[in-house]
Amino acid sequence: MSAERKAVDQTVDALSKMIRAHAGGLELIDLSADGVVTVKYTGMCAGCQYRPVTTASSVRPALLAVAGVTDVVVLGTRISAEAEARLAQELAPYAVQARVTRIVQRSAWSDS
């Protein structure tokens, strides 16, 4: 099952709105037929040293929650998948990923 383009667009847009608080954004680069979403950070977030935290806590979980999305590729990422997984594990007790995903989903679907 492939991801629906509209749902991915809405999720990226909702994430970008949140990221704008940091003078940055998120841009959808590609959605492959097999559900791989490719994004990149823009603005001040493009060079931010905290991108891995934002990716692990917000971007990846929110996009993976979209039906049909199988993976998320963030261009310009400079940490390993293992390091990002450790970040996600460290954040798990705070339920950041779940809260952000709910907020993004509400925002994405309220715009439709």
C-alpha atoms as a PDB file:
ATOM      1  CA  MET A   1       0.000   0.000   0.000  1.00  0.00           C
ATOM      2  CA  SER A   2       1.456   3.359  -0.956  1.00  0.00           C
ATOM      3  CA  ALA A   3       1.040   6.508   1.076  1.00  0.00           C
ATOM      4  CA  GLU A   4      -1.548   9.033  -0.013  1.00  0.00           C
ATOM      5  CA  ARG A   5       0.179  12.142  -1.361  1.00  0.00           C
ATOM      6  CA  LYS A   6      -2.367  14.512   0.185  1.00  0.00           C
ATOM      7  CA  ALA A   7      -1.882  13.064   3.686  1.00  0.00           C
ATOM      8  CA  VAL A   8       1.902  13.287   3.362  1.00  0.00           C
ATOM      9  CA  ASP A   9       1.689  16.879   2.051  1.00  0.00           C
ATOM     10  CA  GLN A  10      -0.587  17.874   4.936  1.00  0.00           C
ATOM     11  CA  THR A  11       1.682  16.248   7.510  1.00  0.00           C
ATOM     12  CA  VAL A  12       4.818  17.903   6.113  1.00  0.00           C
ATOM     13  CA  ASP A  13       2.980  21.247   6.066  1.00  0.00           C
ATOM     14  CA  ALA A  14       1.857  20.839   9.692  1.00  0.00           C
ATOM     15  CA  LEU A  15       5.396  19.904  10.758  1.00  0.00           C
ATOM     16  CA  SER A  16       6.792  22.870   8.854  1.00  0.00           C
ATOM     17  CA  LYS A  17       4.395  25.212  10.656  1.00  0.00           C
ATOM     18  CA  MET A  18       5.700  23.928  13.995  1.00  0.00           C
ATOM     19  CA  ILE A  19       9.316  24.235  12.864  1.00  0.00           C
ATOM     20  CA  ARG A  20       8.764  27.850  11.756  1.00  0.00           C
ATOM     21  CA  ALA A  21       8.933  28.791  15.435  1.00  0.00           C
ATOM     22  CA  HIS A  22      12.668  28.213  14.988  1.00  0.00           C
ATOM     23  CA  ALA A  23      12.843  30.246  11.742  1.00  0.00           C
ATOM     24  CA  GLY A  24      13.031  27.067   9.698  1.00  0.00           C
ATOM     25  CA  GLY A  25      10.829  24.696   7.834  1.00  0.00           C
ATOM     26  CA  LEU A  26      10.453  21.281   6.286  1.00  0.00           C
ATOM     27  CA  GLU A  27      10.125  20.602   2.575  1.00  0.00           C
ATOM     28  CA  LEU A  28       8.818  17.451   0.911  1.00  0.00           C
ATOM     29  CA  ILE A  29      11.302  16.343  -1.738  1.00  0.00           C
ATOM     30  CA  ASP A  30       9.833  13.006  -2.793  1.00  0.00           C
ATOM     31  CA  LEU A  31       7.263  10.346  -2.034  1.00  0.00           C
ATOM     32  CA  SER A  32       8.215   7.075  -3.688  1.00  0.00           C
ATOM     33  CA  ALA A  33       5.767   4.454  -4.886  1.00  0.00           C
ATOM     34  CA  ASP A  34       6.829   2.187  -2.034  1.00  0.00           C
ATOM     35  CA  GLY A  35       6.069   4.813   0.644  1.00  0.00           C
ATOM     36  CA  VAL A  36       9.506   6.299   1.306  1.00  0.00           C
ATOM     37  CA  VAL A  37       9.198  10.002   2.133  1.00  0.00           C
ATOM     38  CA  THR A  38      12.213  12.231   1.508  1.00  0.00           C
ATOM     39  CA  VAL A  39      12.294  15.644   3.200  1.00  0.00           C
ATOM     40  CA  LYS A  40      14.806  18.358   3.940  1.00  0.00           C
ATOM     41  CA  TYR A  41      15.048  21.077   6.540  1.00  0.00           C
ATOM     42  CA  THR A  42      14.997  24.667   5.321  1.00  0.00           C
ATOM     43  CA  GLY A  43      15.812  28.072   6.764  1.00  0.00           C
ATOM     44  CA  MET A  44      17.668  28.189  10.062  1.00  0.00           C
ATOM     45  CA  CYS A  45      16.946  24.499  10.635  1.00  0.00           C
ATOM     46  CA  ALA A  46      19.094  23.511   7.643  1.00  0.00           C
ATOM     47  CA  GLY A  47      22.274  23.958   9.686  1.00  0.00           C
ATOM     48  CA  CYS A  48      20.926  23.473  13.188  1.00  0.00           C
ATOM     49  CA  GLN A  49      22.800  21.066  15.409  1.00  0.00           C
ATOM     50  CA  TYR A  50      19.492  19.939  16.959  1.00  0.00           C
ATOM     51  CA  ARG A  51      18.026  18.552  13.704  1.00  0.00           C
ATOM     52  CA  PRO A  52      18.580  14.974  14.887  1.00  0.00           C
ATOM     53  CA  VAL A  53      16.449  15.647  17.966  1.00  0.00           C
ATOM     54  CA  THR A  54      13.691  17.235  15.884  1.00  0.00           C
ATOM     55  CA  THR A  55      13.855  14.339  13.451  1.00  0.00           C
ATOM     56  CA  ALA A  56      13.680  11.685  16.177  1.00  0.00           C
ATOM     57  CA  SER A  57      11.045  13.451  18.269  1.00  0.00           C
ATOM     58  CA  SER A  58       8.794  14.959  15.633  1.00  0.00           C
ATOM     59  CA  VAL A  59       9.445  14.514  11.935  1.00  0.00           C
ATOM     60  CA  ARG A  60      10.011  10.773  11.660  1.00  0.00           C
ATOM     61  CA  PRO A  61       7.226   9.659  14.063  1.00  0.00           C
ATOM     62  CA  ALA A  62       4.630  12.011  12.543  1.00  0.00           C
ATOM     63  CA  LEU A  63       5.399  10.916   8.982  1.00  0.00           C
ATOM     64  CA  LEU A  64       5.553   7.223   9.868  1.00  0.00           C
ATOM     65  CA  ALA A  65       2.070   7.610  11.380  1.00  0.00           C
ATOM     66  CA  VAL A  66       0.693   8.386   7.891  1.00  0.00           C
ATOM     67  CA  ALA A  67      -0.841   5.256   6.390  1.00  0.00           C
ATOM     68  CA  GLY A  68       1.425   3.757   3.749  1.00  0.00           C
ATOM     69  CA  VAL A  69       4.621   5.573   4.746  1.00  0.00           C
ATOM     70  CA  THR A  70       7.317   2.937   5.108  1.00  0.00           C
ATOM     71  CA  ASP A  71      10.400   5.059   5.781  1.00  0.00           C
ATOM     72  CA  VAL A  72      11.547   8.654   6.141  1.00  0.00           C
ATOM     73  CA  VAL A  73      14.766   9.965   4.624  1.00  0.00           C
ATOM     74  CA  VAL A  74      15.999  13.354   5.811  1.00  0.00           C
ATOM     75  CA  LEU A  75      18.507  14.917   3.446  1.00  0.00           C
ATOM     76  CA  GLY A  76      21.602  16.355   5.084  1.00  0.00           C
ATOM     77  CA  THR A  77      21.382  14.103   8.126  1.00  0.00           C
ATOM     78  CA  ARG A  78      24.756  13.672   9.739  1.00  0.00           C
ATOM     79  CA  ILE A  79      24.041  11.042  12.376  1.00  0.00           C
ATOM     80  CA  SER A  80      23.658   7.317  12.005  1.00  0.00           C
ATOM     81  CA  ALA A  81      20.366   5.481  12.197  1.00  0.00           C
ATOM     82  CA  GLU A  82      21.642   3.905  15.403  1.00  0.00           C
ATOM     83  CA  ALA A  83      22.323   7.282  17.012  1.00  0.00           C
ATOM     84  CA  GLU A  84      18.872   8.537  16.013  1.00  0.00           C
ATOM     85  CA  ALA A  85      17.319   5.380  17.477  1.00  0.00           C
ATOM     86  CA  ARG A  86      19.143   6.067  20.758  1.00  0.00           C
ATOM     87  CA  LEU A  87      17.750   9.616  20.756  1.00  0.00           C
ATOM     88  CA  ALA A  88      14.235   8.282  20.190  1.00  0.00           C
ATOM     89  CA  GLN A  89      14.726   5.771  23.007  1.00  0.00           C
ATOM     90  CA  GLU A  90      15.894   8.521  25.362  1.00  0.00           C
ATOM     91  CA  LEU A  91      12.836  10.612  24.479  1.00  0.00           C
ATOM     92  CA  ALA A  92      10.381   7.708  24.838  1.00  0.00           C
ATOM     93  CA  PRO A  93       9.688   8.161  28.587  1.00  0.00           C
ATOM     94  CA  TYR A  94       8.471  11.687  27.885  1.00  0.00           C
ATOM     95  CA  ALA A  95       6.033  10.569  25.143  1.00  0.00           C
ATOM     96  CA  VAL A  96       7.232  13.453  22.966  1.00  0.00           C
ATOM     97  CA  GLN A  97       6.817  11.478  19.763  1.00  0.00           C
ATOM     98  CA  ALA A  98       3.215  10.519  20.523  1.00  0.00           C
ATOM     99  CA  ARG A  99       2.239  14.054  21.555  1.00  0.00           C
ATOM    100  CA  VAL A 100       3.801  15.664  18.503  1.00  0.00           C
ATOM    101  CA  THR A 101       2.206  13.083  16.213  1.00  0.00           C
ATOM    102  CA  ARG A 102      -1.252  13.813  17.676  1.00  0.00           C
ATOM    103  CA  ILE A 103      -0.746  17.579  17.337  1.00  0.00           C
ATOM    104  CA  VAL A 104       0.470  17.272  13.757  1.00  0.00           C
ATOM    105  CA  GLN A 105      -2.363  14.937  12.794  1.00  0.00           C
ATOM    106  CA  ARG A 106      -4.965  17.308  14.251  1.00  0.00           C
ATOM    107  CA  SER A 107      -3.369  20.254  12.473  1.00  0.00           C
ATOM    108  CA  ALA A 108      -2.992  18.409   9.160  1.00  0.00           C
ATOM    109  CA  TRP A 109      -6.569  17.189   9.096  1.00  0.00           C
ATOM    110  CA  SER A 110      -8.084  20.467  10.308  1.00  0.00           C
ATOM    111  CA  ASP A 111      -6.653  22.129   7.176  1.00  0.00           C
ATOM    112  CA  SER A 112      -8.362  19.665   4.826  1.00  0.00           C
END
